[in-house]
Amino acid sequence: MIPFHKIYSWFFKSFSIHSEISLIDKITDMGYKHIMLVKRSWIFILFVLWMPLLVFLMSLMSIWFAASSIEFLPIKLTIILGNILMSMILIASSFSYIRYFRKVHGVPTIHDDMEKVKNQVRKGDKYFISFFNWSLTNQCVLVVLFFLELSLVFAFREDLTEHFWLLIFDAAVIIGEFILLGRYRKKMIDLEMDYNIIIPGKIFFINQTGVLSDTQTLDSDKIKTVRAKFPGKIASFFNYGDIDILTEGDSAMIGVMKMNFVTDPNAVVSNIQKLLVMREDNLIKKRNAIATKQQNGDNIHPELKQNQSSRHTLDTREKIRDVLR
């Protein structure tokens, strides 16, 4: 299979499927041991599932149209086989990704094992890369089908008679399928690559919209309020909602930070509050060790430092005298 995800990453520097791993590695290098990864709930998929379903219905319509109305065998086989291939790829790739997304990304919890978190993220990346590459492969199938169908239609126009305009309409249906597949893939990109990472005293917001990304960091001393809300009865039934983070001095909620479609938002808010006030013991020890070294460096050899300063002053005076001579 063509690695379309690598091609996208090469063209668009803001598109990186492995950005989570890179950020977690940096956090680990800084000395943090506790982390919580927040992604959108799998319920988000239900709100965009109409797109692949509509594409599937449109492909069934094309197959029925070709089987019942087209007598010219090359065009009939082209339409039927092309749509069957496209539908099989769509169903298999979508089902595999949606199934494992719910399994890999459940209710956000606090982890103290960074390797476990990275393995979980790698597993999710693996399924998303497969879905992403198959999605673009599907669009390539539609492009080939579109031009092949048009070529056959215009090559055998005289033999098609009244079916000519019906085939032109079917070509327009293929264009519609192509557009819907692109929109569906964009929504899945937002689902997988739009995430938040919370560590003691800090929140990272990584907002992904298609191939574009926006990264923001918020320290705990800038946060005034963290609240969860359920936007409706459906959200309450499926236990997902939104989390608003109000910054200090922003009572008008103009610059409020948001986490949308979060599973079990009340529990997530509780975990966020725990992490924001949590103190990493290893970070404290590390800072104390650095401070001790600096203090020792200032206090152990004060006479030696004074002698070195005096020697430097004398050397400078000698150089000035040489210049004047």
C-alpha atoms as a PDB file:
ATOM      1  CA  MET A   1       0.000   0.000   0.000  1.00  0.00           C
ATOM      2  CA  ILE A   2       1.188   3.539  -0.728  1.00  0.00           C
ATOM      3  CA  PRO A   3       2.221   5.276   2.570  1.00  0.00           C
ATOM      4  CA  PHE A   4       0.041   8.341   2.053  1.00  0.00           C
ATOM      5  CA  HIS A   5       0.528   9.411   5.690  1.00  0.00           C
ATOM      6  CA  LYS A   6       4.266   9.907   5.066  1.00  0.00           C
ATOM      7  CA  ILE A   7       3.557  11.869   1.886  1.00  0.00           C
ATOM      8  CA  TYR A   8       1.153  14.129   3.804  1.00  0.00           C
ATOM      9  CA  SER A   9       3.722  14.623   6.589  1.00  0.00           C
ATOM     10  CA  TRP A  10       6.339  15.595   4.009  1.00  0.00           C
ATOM     11  CA  PHE A  11       4.082  18.140   2.289  1.00  0.00           C
ATOM     12  CA  PHE A  12       2.417  19.522   5.441  1.00  0.00           C
ATOM     13  CA  LYS A  13       4.756  20.020   8.414  1.00  0.00           C
ATOM     14  CA  SER A  14       1.773  20.626  10.720  1.00  0.00           C
ATOM     15  CA  PHE A  15       0.504  17.097  10.014  1.00  0.00           C
ATOM     16  CA  SER A  16       2.255  14.477  12.161  1.00  0.00           C
ATOM     17  CA  ILE A  17       0.502  11.304  13.278  1.00  0.00           C
ATOM     18  CA  HIS A  18       3.339  10.580  15.727  1.00  0.00           C
ATOM     19  CA  SER A  19       3.200  13.999  17.426  1.00  0.00           C
ATOM     20  CA  GLU A  20       1.795  12.432  20.617  1.00  0.00           C
ATOM     21  CA  ILE A  21       4.803  10.137  20.995  1.00  0.00           C
ATOM     22  CA  SER A  22       7.199  13.050  20.444  1.00  0.00           C
ATOM     23  CA  LEU A  23       5.452  15.198  23.058  1.00  0.00           C
ATOM     24  CA  ILE A  24       5.334  12.352  25.601  1.00  0.00           C
ATOM     25  CA  ASP A  25       9.067  11.747  25.070  1.00  0.00           C
ATOM     26  CA  LYS A  26       9.785  15.427  25.775  1.00  0.00           C
ATOM     27  CA  ILE A  27       7.622  15.317  28.902  1.00  0.00           C
ATOM     28  CA  THR A  28       9.473  12.204  30.076  1.00  0.00           C
ATOM     29  CA  ASP A  29      12.848  13.877  29.474  1.00  0.00           C
ATOM     30  CA  MET A  30      11.692  16.801  31.624  1.00  0.00           C
ATOM     31  CA  GLY A  31      11.248  14.350  34.511  1.00  0.00           C
ATOM     32  CA  TYR A  32       7.462  14.025  34.710  1.00  0.00           C
ATOM     33  CA  LYS A  33       6.053  10.656  35.790  1.00  0.00           C
ATOM     34  CA  HIS A  34       2.289  11.269  35.793  1.00  0.00           C
ATOM     35  CA  ILE A  35       0.217  11.969  32.696  1.00  0.00           C
ATOM     36  CA  MET A  36      -3.346  11.879  31.390  1.00  0.00           C
ATOM     37  CA  LEU A  37      -4.222  11.758  27.690  1.00  0.00           C
ATOM     38  CA  VAL A  38      -7.662  13.108  26.735  1.00  0.00           C
ATOM     39  CA  LYS A  39      -9.185  12.401  23.327  1.00  0.00           C
ATOM     40  CA  ARG A  40     -12.660  12.755  21.903  1.00  0.00           C
ATOM     41  CA  SER A  41     -15.229  10.132  22.789  1.00  0.00           C
ATOM     42  CA  TRP A  42     -15.975   7.376  20.270  1.00  0.00           C
ATOM     43  CA  ILE A  43     -19.537   8.798  20.259  1.00  0.00           C
ATOM     44  CA  PHE A  44     -18.185  11.521  17.950  1.00  0.00           C
ATOM     45  CA  ILE A  45     -18.046   8.864  15.227  1.00  0.00           C
ATOM     46  CA  LEU A  46     -21.833   8.457  15.354  1.00  0.00           C
ATOM     47  CA  PHE A  47     -22.256  12.101  14.328  1.00  0.00           C
ATOM     48  CA  VAL A  48     -20.194  11.624  11.144  1.00  0.00           C
ATOM     49  CA  LEU A  49     -21.209   8.048  10.334  1.00  0.00           C
ATOM     50  CA  TRP A  50     -23.812   9.307   7.873  1.00  0.00           C
ATOM     51  CA  MET A  51     -21.007  10.176   5.433  1.00  0.00           C
ATOM     52  CA  PRO A  52     -19.666   6.632   4.828  1.00  0.00           C
ATOM     53  CA  LEU A  53     -23.232   5.275   4.936  1.00  0.00           C
ATOM     54  CA  LEU A  54     -24.288   7.732   2.230  1.00  0.00           C
ATOM     55  CA  VAL A  55     -21.237   6.801   0.131  1.00  0.00           C
ATOM     56  CA  PHE A  56     -22.148   3.129   0.510  1.00  0.00           C
ATOM     57  CA  LEU A  57     -25.764   3.783  -0.558  1.00  0.00           C
ATOM     58  CA  MET A  58     -24.576   5.792  -3.562  1.00  0.00           C
ATOM     59  CA  SER A  59     -22.315   2.919  -4.619  1.00  0.00           C
ATOM     60  CA  LEU A  60     -25.244   0.488  -4.304  1.00  0.00           C
ATOM     61  CA  MET A  61     -27.306   2.814  -6.484  1.00  0.00           C
ATOM     62  CA  SER A  62     -24.568   2.832  -9.140  1.00  0.00           C
ATOM     63  CA  ILE A  63     -24.334  -0.973  -9.054  1.00  0.00           C
ATOM     64  CA  TRP A  64     -28.117  -1.347  -9.389  1.00  0.00           C
ATOM     65  CA  PHE A  65     -28.204   1.209 -12.196  1.00  0.00           C
ATOM     66  CA  ALA A  66     -25.432  -0.545 -14.144  1.00  0.00           C
ATOM     67  CA  ALA A  67     -26.886  -4.030 -13.636  1.00  0.00           C
ATOM     68  CA  SER A  68     -30.432  -3.100 -14.645  1.00  0.00           C
ATOM     69  CA  SER A  69     -29.997  -0.389 -17.282  1.00  0.00           C
ATOM     70  CA  ILE A  70     -26.628  -0.780 -19.024  1.00  0.00           C
ATOM     71  CA  GLU A  71     -26.389  -3.442 -21.716  1.00  0.00           C
ATOM     72  CA  PHE A  72     -22.897  -2.569 -22.927  1.00  0.00           C
ATOM     73  CA  LEU A  73     -20.755  -5.129 -21.062  1.00  0.00           C
ATOM     74  CA  PRO A  74     -17.420  -3.198 -20.645  1.00  0.00           C
ATOM     75  CA  ILE A  75     -19.147  -0.222 -19.012  1.00  0.00           C
ATOM     76  CA  LYS A  76     -21.411  -2.444 -16.910  1.00  0.00           C
ATOM     77  CA  LEU A  77     -18.482  -4.441 -15.497  1.00  0.00           C
ATOM     78  CA  THR A  78     -16.427  -1.292 -14.897  1.00  0.00           C
ATOM     79  CA  ILE A  79     -19.157   0.345 -12.807  1.00  0.00           C
ATOM     80  CA  ILE A  80     -20.076  -2.802 -10.858  1.00  0.00           C
ATOM     81  CA  LEU A  81     -16.541  -3.976 -10.056  1.00  0.00           C
ATOM     82  CA  GLY A  82     -15.267  -0.469  -9.257  1.00  0.00           C
ATOM     83  CA  ASN A  83     -18.087   0.242  -6.802  1.00  0.00           C
ATOM     84  CA  ILE A  84     -17.812  -3.182  -5.157  1.00  0.00           C
ATOM     85  CA  LEU A  85     -14.075  -2.652  -4.590  1.00  0.00           C
ATOM     86  CA  MET A  86     -14.632   0.833  -3.195  1.00  0.00           C
ATOM     87  CA  SER A  87     -17.406  -0.355  -0.839  1.00  0.00           C
ATOM     88  CA  MET A  88     -15.342  -3.252   0.488  1.00  0.00           C
ATOM     89  CA  ILE A  89     -12.394  -0.962   1.277  1.00  0.00           C
ATOM     90  CA  LEU A  90     -14.697   1.595   2.930  1.00  0.00           C
ATOM     91  CA  ILE A  91     -16.458  -0.939   5.169  1.00  0.00           C
ATOM     92  CA  ALA A  92     -13.321  -2.861   6.178  1.00  0.00           C
ATOM     93  CA  SER A  93     -11.168   0.195   6.964  1.00  0.00           C
ATOM     94  CA  SER A  94     -13.914   2.075   8.849  1.00  0.00           C
ATOM     95  CA  PHE A  95     -15.024  -0.926  10.913  1.00  0.00           C
ATOM     96  CA  SER A  96     -11.463  -1.830  11.897  1.00  0.00           C
ATOM     97  CA  TYR A  97     -10.544   1.697  12.974  1.00  0.00           C
ATOM     98  CA  ILE A  98     -13.783   2.471  14.843  1.00  0.00           C
ATOM     99  CA  ARG A  99     -13.689  -0.854  16.665  1.00  0.00           C
ATOM    100  CA  TYR A 100     -10.155  -0.406  17.963  1.00  0.00           C
ATOM    101  CA  PHE A 101     -10.483   3.319  18.676  1.00  0.00           C
ATOM    102  CA  ARG A 102     -13.111   2.573  21.312  1.00  0.00           C
ATOM    103  CA  LYS A 103     -10.932  -0.194  22.720  1.00  0.00           C
ATOM    104  CA  VAL A 104      -7.678   1.787  22.831  1.00  0.00           C
ATOM    105  CA  HIS A 105      -9.059   5.184  23.892  1.00  0.00           C
ATOM    106  CA  GLY A 106     -11.518   4.614  26.737  1.00  0.00           C
ATOM    107  CA  VAL A 107     -12.190   6.843  29.744  1.00  0.00           C
ATOM    108  CA  PRO A 108      -9.161   9.133  30.338  1.00  0.00           C
ATOM    109  CA  THR A 109      -7.256   8.179  33.501  1.00  0.00           C
ATOM    110  CA  ILE A 110      -4.032   9.215  35.217  1.00  0.00           C
ATOM    111  CA  HIS A 111      -1.054   7.010  34.318  1.00  0.00           C
ATOM    112  CA  ASP A 112       2.321   6.733  36.041  1.00  0.00           C
ATOM    113  CA  ASP A 113       3.861   4.408  33.442  1.00  0.00           C
ATOM    114  CA  MET A 114       5.012   6.438  30.443  1.00  0.00           C
ATOM    115  CA  GLU A 115       5.967   3.364  28.403  1.00  0.00           C
ATOM    116  CA  LYS A 116       2.476   1.942  28.805  1.00  0.00           C
ATOM    117  CA  VAL A 117       0.965   5.206  27.573  1.00  0.00           C
ATOM    118  CA  LYS A 118       3.309   5.295  24.571  1.00  0.00           C
ATOM    119  CA  ASN A 119       2.469   1.692  23.671  1.00  0.00           C
ATOM    120  CA  GLN A 120      -1.221   2.572  23.831  1.00  0.00           C
ATOM    121  CA  VAL A 121      -0.677   5.580  21.554  1.00  0.00           C
ATOM    122  CA  ARG A 122       1.420   3.535  19.104  1.00  0.00           C
ATOM    123  CA  LYS A 123      -1.374   0.971  18.886  1.00  0.00           C
ATOM    124  CA  GLY A 124      -3.903   3.683  18.081  1.00  0.00           C
ATOM    125  CA  ASP A 125      -1.555   5.231  15.508  1.00  0.00           C
ATOM    126  CA  LYS A 126      -1.187   1.857  13.808  1.00  0.00           C
ATOM    127  CA  TYR A 127      -4.936   1.513  13.207  1.00  0.00           C
ATOM    128  CA  PHE A 128      -5.335   5.147  12.180  1.00  0.00           C
ATOM    129  CA  ILE A 129      -2.485   4.944   9.649  1.00  0.00           C
ATOM    130  CA  SER A 130      -4.153   1.901   8.106  1.00  0.00           C
ATOM    131  CA  PHE A 131      -7.497   3.735   7.906  1.00  0.00           C
ATOM    132  CA  PHE A 132      -5.874   6.899   6.522  1.00  0.00           C
ATOM    133  CA  ASN A 133      -3.968   5.086   3.774  1.00  0.00           C
ATOM    134  CA  TRP A 134      -6.976   2.963   2.776  1.00  0.00           C
ATOM    135  CA  SER A 135      -9.166   6.070   2.667  1.00  0.00           C
ATOM    136  CA  LEU A 136      -6.882   7.754   0.147  1.00  0.00           C
ATOM    137  CA  THR A 137      -6.566   4.482  -1.772  1.00  0.00           C
ATOM    138  CA  ASN A 138     -10.351   4.465  -1.984  1.00  0.00           C
ATOM    139  CA  GLN A 139     -10.356   7.934  -3.488  1.00  0.00           C
ATOM    140  CA  CYS A 140      -7.758   6.793  -6.024  1.00  0.00           C
ATOM    141  CA  VAL A 141     -10.099   3.934  -6.985  1.00  0.00           C
ATOM    142  CA  LEU A 142     -12.889   6.467  -7.536  1.00  0.00           C
ATOM    143  CA  VAL A 143     -10.629   8.678  -9.676  1.00  0.00           C
ATOM    144  CA  VAL A 144      -9.661   5.718 -11.884  1.00  0.00           C
ATOM    145  CA  LEU A 145     -13.308   4.633 -12.090  1.00  0.00           C
ATOM    146  CA  PHE A 146     -14.408   8.152 -13.023  1.00  0.00           C
ATOM    147  CA  PHE A 147     -11.968   8.595 -15.908  1.00  0.00           C
ATOM    148  CA  LEU A 148     -12.398   5.020 -17.099  1.00  0.00           C
ATOM    149  CA  GLU A 149     -16.161   5.387 -17.182  1.00  0.00           C
ATOM    150  CA  LEU A 150     -15.985   8.717 -19.020  1.00  0.00           C
ATOM    151  CA  SER A 151     -13.522   7.281 -21.540  1.00  0.00           C
ATOM    152  CA  LEU A 152     -15.802   4.335 -22.288  1.00  0.00           C
ATOM    153  CA  VAL A 153     -18.883   6.552 -22.457  1.00  0.00           C
ATOM    154  CA  PHE A 154     -17.395   8.910 -25.053  1.00  0.00           C
ATOM    155  CA  ALA A 155     -15.692   6.085 -26.945  1.00  0.00           C
ATOM    156  CA  PHE A 156     -18.973   4.195 -27.408  1.00  0.00           C
ATOM    157  CA  ARG A 157     -21.369   7.144 -27.356  1.00  0.00           C
ATOM    158  CA  GLU A 158     -23.225   6.053 -30.487  1.00  0.00           C
ATOM    159  CA  ASP A 159     -23.962   2.603 -29.020  1.00  0.00           C
ATOM    160  CA  LEU A 160     -25.319   3.965 -25.731  1.00  0.00           C
ATOM    161  CA  THR A 161     -28.166   6.080 -27.214  1.00  0.00           C
ATOM    162  CA  GLU A 162     -30.571   7.019 -24.378  1.00  0.00           C
ATOM    163  CA  HIS A 163     -28.206   5.753 -21.618  1.00  0.00           C
ATOM    164  CA  PHE A 164     -25.583   8.410 -22.355  1.00  0.00           C
ATOM    165  CA  TRP A 165     -26.943  11.034 -19.957  1.00  0.00           C
ATOM    166  CA  LEU A 166     -27.615   8.427 -17.287  1.00  0.00           C
ATOM    167  CA  LEU A 167     -23.947   7.493 -17.368  1.00  0.00           C
ATOM    168  CA  ILE A 168     -22.973  11.149 -17.132  1.00  0.00           C
ATOM    169  CA  PHE A 169     -25.178  11.338 -14.027  1.00  0.00           C
ATOM    170  CA  ASP A 170     -23.395   8.285 -12.614  1.00  0.00           C
ATOM    171  CA  ALA A 171     -20.067  10.073 -13.142  1.00  0.00           C
ATOM    172  CA  ALA A 172     -21.460  12.976 -11.088  1.00  0.00           C
ATOM    173  CA  VAL A 173     -22.365  10.467  -8.359  1.00  0.00           C
ATOM    174  CA  ILE A 174     -18.723   9.323  -8.297  1.00  0.00           C
ATOM    175  CA  ILE A 175     -17.628  12.939  -7.766  1.00  0.00           C
ATOM    176  CA  GLY A 176     -20.056  13.160  -4.833  1.00  0.00           C
ATOM    177  CA  GLU A 177     -18.602   9.974  -3.335  1.00  0.00           C
ATOM    178  CA  PHE A 178     -15.081  11.384  -3.702  1.00  0.00           C
ATOM    179  CA  ILE A 179     -16.012  14.598  -1.851  1.00  0.00           C
ATOM    180  CA  LEU A 180     -17.796  12.740   0.959  1.00  0.00           C
ATOM    181  CA  LEU A 181     -14.839  10.399   1.473  1.00  0.00           C
ATOM    182  CA  GLY A 182     -12.545  13.419   1.821  1.00  0.00           C
ATOM    183  CA  ARG A 183     -14.816  15.060   4.405  1.00  0.00           C
ATOM    184  CA  TYR A 184     -15.156  11.783   6.291  1.00  0.00           C
ATOM    185  CA  ARG A 185     -11.369  11.363   6.453  1.00  0.00           C
ATOM    186  CA  LYS A 186     -10.977  14.935   7.749  1.00  0.00           C
ATOM    187  CA  LYS A 187     -13.410  14.214  10.591  1.00  0.00           C
ATOM    188  CA  MET A 188     -11.477  11.073  11.461  1.00  0.00           C
ATOM    189  CA  ILE A 189      -8.246  13.113  11.482  1.00  0.00           C
ATOM    190  CA  ASP A 190      -9.878  15.490  13.970  1.00  0.00           C
ATOM    191  CA  LEU A 191     -10.985  12.515  16.082  1.00  0.00           C
ATOM    192  CA  GLU A 192      -7.544  10.880  16.245  1.00  0.00           C
ATOM    193  CA  MET A 193      -5.135  13.830  16.182  1.00  0.00           C
ATOM    194  CA  ASP A 194      -7.063  16.383  18.270  1.00  0.00           C
ATOM    195  CA  TYR A 195      -6.045  15.670  21.867  1.00  0.00           C
ATOM    196  CA  ASN A 196      -5.017  17.132  25.225  1.00  0.00           C
ATOM    197  CA  ILE A 197      -2.233  16.072  27.582  1.00  0.00           C
ATOM    198  CA  ILE A 198      -2.346  16.933  31.278  1.00  0.00           C
ATOM    199  CA  ILE A 199       0.718  16.667  33.514  1.00  0.00           C
ATOM    200  CA  PRO A 200       1.324  18.056  37.034  1.00  0.00           C
ATOM    201  CA  GLY A 201       0.883  21.819  36.805  1.00  0.00           C
ATOM    202  CA  LYS A 202       0.379  22.037  33.038  1.00  0.00           C
ATOM    203  CA  ILE A 203      -2.105  21.315  30.221  1.00  0.00           C
ATOM    204  CA  PHE A 204      -1.188  20.893  26.548  1.00  0.00           C
ATOM    205  CA  PHE A 205      -3.905  21.626  23.957  1.00  0.00           C
ATOM    206  CA  ILE A 206      -3.214  20.151  20.512  1.00  0.00           C
ATOM    207  CA  ASN A 207      -6.019  21.142  18.143  1.00  0.00           C
ATOM    208  CA  GLN A 208      -5.933  19.464  14.734  1.00  0.00           C
ATOM    209  CA  THR A 209      -8.184  20.542  11.854  1.00  0.00           C
ATOM    210  CA  GLY A 210      -7.389  18.513   8.776  1.00  0.00           C
ATOM    211  CA  VAL A 211      -3.689  18.988   8.013  1.00  0.00           C
ATOM    212  CA  LEU A 212      -3.411  22.140  10.158  1.00  0.00           C
ATOM    213  CA  SER A 213      -2.582  22.103  13.862  1.00  0.00           C
ATOM    214  CA  ASP A 214      -2.546  24.557  16.752  1.00  0.00           C
ATOM    215  CA  THR A 215      -0.635  23.894  19.990  1.00  0.00           C
ATOM    216  CA  GLN A 216      -1.134  25.803  23.249  1.00  0.00           C
ATOM    217  CA  THR A 217       0.167  25.337  26.785  1.00  0.00           C
ATOM    218  CA  LEU A 218      -1.580  26.474  29.960  1.00  0.00           C
ATOM    219  CA  ASP A 219       0.091  26.519  33.394  1.00  0.00           C
ATOM    220  CA  SER A 220      -1.880  25.748  36.543  1.00  0.00           C
ATOM    221  CA  ASP A 221      -1.330  29.225  38.032  1.00  0.00           C
ATOM    222  CA  LYS A 222      -3.212  30.723  35.053  1.00  0.00           C
ATOM    223  CA  ILE A 223      -6.279  28.504  35.512  1.00  0.00           C
ATOM    224  CA  LYS A 224      -9.253  29.861  37.444  1.00  0.00           C
ATOM    225  CA  THR A 225     -11.987  27.258  36.896  1.00  0.00           C
ATOM    226  CA  VAL A 226     -12.331  23.807  35.340  1.00  0.00           C
ATOM    227  CA  ARG A 227     -15.896  22.687  34.761  1.00  0.00           C
ATOM    228  CA  ALA A 228     -17.752  19.882  32.992  1.00  0.00           C
ATOM    229  CA  LYS A 229     -21.087  20.201  31.233  1.00  0.00           C
ATOM    230  CA  PHE A 230     -23.418  17.920  29.298  1.00  0.00           C
ATOM    231  CA  PRO A 231     -24.746  19.708  26.187  1.00  0.00           C
ATOM    232  CA  GLY A 232     -27.984  17.676  26.049  1.00  0.00           C
ATOM    233  CA  LYS A 233     -29.926  14.569  27.023  1.00  0.00           C
ATOM    234  CA  ILE A 234     -28.202  12.445  24.383  1.00  0.00           C
ATOM    235  CA  ALA A 235     -24.834  13.477  25.815  1.00  0.00           C
ATOM    236  CA  SER A 236     -26.011  12.615  29.316  1.00  0.00           C
ATOM    237  CA  PHE A 237     -27.250   9.200  28.148  1.00  0.00           C
ATOM    238  CA  PHE A 238     -23.947   8.308  26.465  1.00  0.00           C
ATOM    239  CA  ASN A 239     -21.931   9.985  29.269  1.00  0.00           C
ATOM    240  CA  TYR A 240     -19.935  12.430  27.177  1.00  0.00           C
ATOM    241  CA  GLY A 241     -19.668  16.189  27.390  1.00  0.00           C
ATOM    242  CA  ASP A 242     -17.501  19.288  27.172  1.00  0.00           C
ATOM    243  CA  ILE A 243     -14.913  20.655  29.578  1.00  0.00           C
ATOM    244  CA  ASP A 244     -14.389  24.420  29.886  1.00  0.00           C
ATOM    245  CA  ILE A 245     -11.164  25.786  31.365  1.00  0.00           C
ATOM    246  CA  LEU A 246     -11.475  29.437  32.368  1.00  0.00           C
ATOM    247  CA  THR A 247      -8.213  31.327  32.729  1.00  0.00           C
ATOM    248  CA  GLU A 248      -7.443  33.794  35.515  1.00  0.00           C
ATOM    249  CA  GLY A 249      -8.853  37.260  34.872  1.00  0.00           C
ATOM    250  CA  ASP A 250     -11.075  36.118  31.979  1.00  0.00           C
ATOM    251  CA  SER A 251     -14.504  36.304  33.610  1.00  0.00           C
ATOM    252  CA  ALA A 252     -16.171  37.044  30.253  1.00  0.00           C
ATOM    253  CA  MET A 253     -15.061  33.597  28.995  1.00  0.00           C
ATOM    254  CA  ILE A 254     -13.682  35.119  25.805  1.00  0.00           C
ATOM    255  CA  GLY A 255     -10.491  33.076  25.861  1.00  0.00           C
ATOM    256  CA  VAL A 256     -11.867  29.943  27.504  1.00  0.00           C
ATOM    257  CA  MET A 257     -10.079  26.718  26.559  1.00  0.00           C
ATOM    258  CA  LYS A 258     -12.297  23.785  25.617  1.00  0.00           C
ATOM    259  CA  MET A 259     -12.188  20.004  25.451  1.00  0.00           C
ATOM    260  CA  ASN A 260     -15.102  18.678  23.394  1.00  0.00           C
ATOM    261  CA  PHE A 261     -16.756  15.246  23.256  1.00  0.00           C
ATOM    262  CA  VAL A 262     -14.935  13.973  26.365  1.00  0.00           C
ATOM    263  CA  THR A 263     -15.991  10.615  27.845  1.00  0.00           C
ATOM    264  CA  ASP A 264     -17.132  10.869  31.505  1.00  0.00           C
ATOM    265  CA  PRO A 265     -16.337  14.598  31.822  1.00  0.00           C
ATOM    266  CA  ASN A 266     -16.976  14.749  35.584  1.00  0.00           C
ATOM    267  CA  ALA A 267     -14.311  12.123  36.289  1.00  0.00           C
ATOM    268  CA  VAL A 268     -11.916  13.803  33.857  1.00  0.00           C
ATOM    269  CA  VAL A 269     -12.352  17.188  35.586  1.00  0.00           C
ATOM    270  CA  SER A 270     -11.557  15.539  38.924  1.00  0.00           C
ATOM    271  CA  ASN A 271      -8.381  14.008  37.466  1.00  0.00           C
ATOM    272  CA  ILE A 272      -7.372  17.332  35.894  1.00  0.00           C
ATOM    273  CA  GLN A 273      -7.663  19.053  39.269  1.00  0.00           C
ATOM    274  CA  LYS A 274      -5.555  16.335  40.898  1.00  0.00           C
ATOM    275  CA  LEU A 275      -2.810  16.705  38.301  1.00  0.00           C
ATOM    276  CA  LEU A 276      -2.775  20.509  38.414  1.00  0.00           C
ATOM    277  CA  VAL A 277      -1.997  20.507  42.157  1.00  0.00           C
ATOM    278  CA  MET A 278       0.187  17.380  42.119  1.00  0.00           C
ATOM    279  CA  ARG A 279       3.890  17.743  42.934  1.00  0.00           C
ATOM    280  CA  GLU A 280       6.351  15.471  41.167  1.00  0.00           C
ATOM    281  CA  ASP A 281       8.818  14.218  43.821  1.00  0.00           C
ATOM    282  CA  ASN A 282      11.540  13.451  41.302  1.00  0.00           C
ATOM    283  CA  LEU A 283      11.284  16.968  39.839  1.00  0.00           C
ATOM    284  CA  ILE A 284      11.571  18.484  43.314  1.00  0.00           C
ATOM    285  CA  LYS A 285      14.635  16.355  44.071  1.00  0.00           C
ATOM    286  CA  LYS A 286      16.176  17.315  40.743  1.00  0.00           C
ATOM    287  CA  ARG A 287      15.651  21.027  41.339  1.00  0.00           C
ATOM    288  CA  ASN A 288      16.957  20.780  44.904  1.00  0.00           C
ATOM    289  CA  ALA A 289      20.066  18.964  43.661  1.00  0.00           C
ATOM    290  CA  ILE A 290      20.745  21.692  41.086  1.00  0.00           C
ATOM    291  CA  ALA A 291      20.213  24.406  43.695  1.00  0.00           C
ATOM    292  CA  THR A 292      22.563  22.607  46.113  1.00  0.00           C
ATOM    293  CA  LYS A 293      25.291  22.350  43.477  1.00  0.00           C
ATOM    294  CA  GLN A 294      24.984  26.037  42.669  1.00  0.00           C
ATOM    295  CA  GLN A 295      25.084  26.949  46.348  1.00  0.00           C
ATOM    296  CA  ASN A 296      28.111  24.747  46.955  1.00  0.00           C
ATOM    297  CA  GLY A 297      29.822  26.297  43.982  1.00  0.00           C
ATOM    298  CA  ASP A 298      29.301  29.724  45.550  1.00  0.00           C
ATOM    299  CA  ASN A 299      30.362  28.811  49.098  1.00  0.00           C
ATOM    300  CA  ILE A 300      33.101  26.155  48.965  1.00  0.00           C
ATOM    301  CA  HIS A 301      35.924  28.163  47.382  1.00  0.00           C
ATOM    302  CA  PRO A 302      35.283  31.872  47.947  1.00  0.00           C
ATOM    303  CA  GLU A 303      39.020  32.621  48.417  1.00  0.00           C
ATOM    304  CA  LEU A 304      39.890  30.785  45.200  1.00  0.00           C
ATOM    305  CA  LYS A 305      37.270  32.792  43.293  1.00  0.00           C
ATOM    306  CA  GLN A 306      38.666  36.018  44.774  1.00  0.00           C
ATOM    307  CA  ASN A 307      42.219  35.074  43.723  1.00  0.00           C
ATOM    308  CA  GLN A 308      41.039  34.236  40.202  1.00  0.00           C
ATOM    309  CA  SER A 309      39.275  37.597  39.988  1.00  0.00           C
ATOM    310  CA  SER A 310      42.414  39.412  41.151  1.00  0.00           C
ATOM    311  CA  ARG A 311      44.576  37.587  38.606  1.00  0.00           C
ATOM    312  CA  HIS A 312      42.132  38.474  35.825  1.00  0.00           C
ATOM    313  CA  THR A 313      42.301  42.159  36.853  1.00  0.00           C
ATOM    314  CA  LEU A 314      46.122  42.142  36.870  1.00  0.00           C
ATOM    315  CA  ASP A 315      46.249  40.463  33.447  1.00  0.00           C
ATOM    316  CA  THR A 316      43.926  43.125  32.045  1.00  0.00           C
ATOM    317  CA  ARG A 317      46.105  45.936  33.415  1.00  0.00           C
ATOM    318  CA  GLU A 318      49.263  44.388  31.902  1.00  0.00           C
ATOM    319  CA  LYS A 319      47.565  44.207  28.471  1.00  0.00           C
ATOM    320  CA  ILE A 320      46.565  47.896  28.674  1.00  0.00           C
ATOM    321  CA  ARG A 321      50.146  48.873  29.553  1.00  0.00           C
ATOM    322  CA  ASP A 322      51.504  46.906  26.585  1.00  0.00           C
ATOM    323  CA  VAL A 323      49.105  48.710  24.242  1.00  0.00           C
ATOM    324  CA  LEU A 324      50.098  52.137  25.596  1.00  0.00           C
ATOM    325  CA  ARG A 325      53.811  51.321  25.116  1.00  0.00           C
END
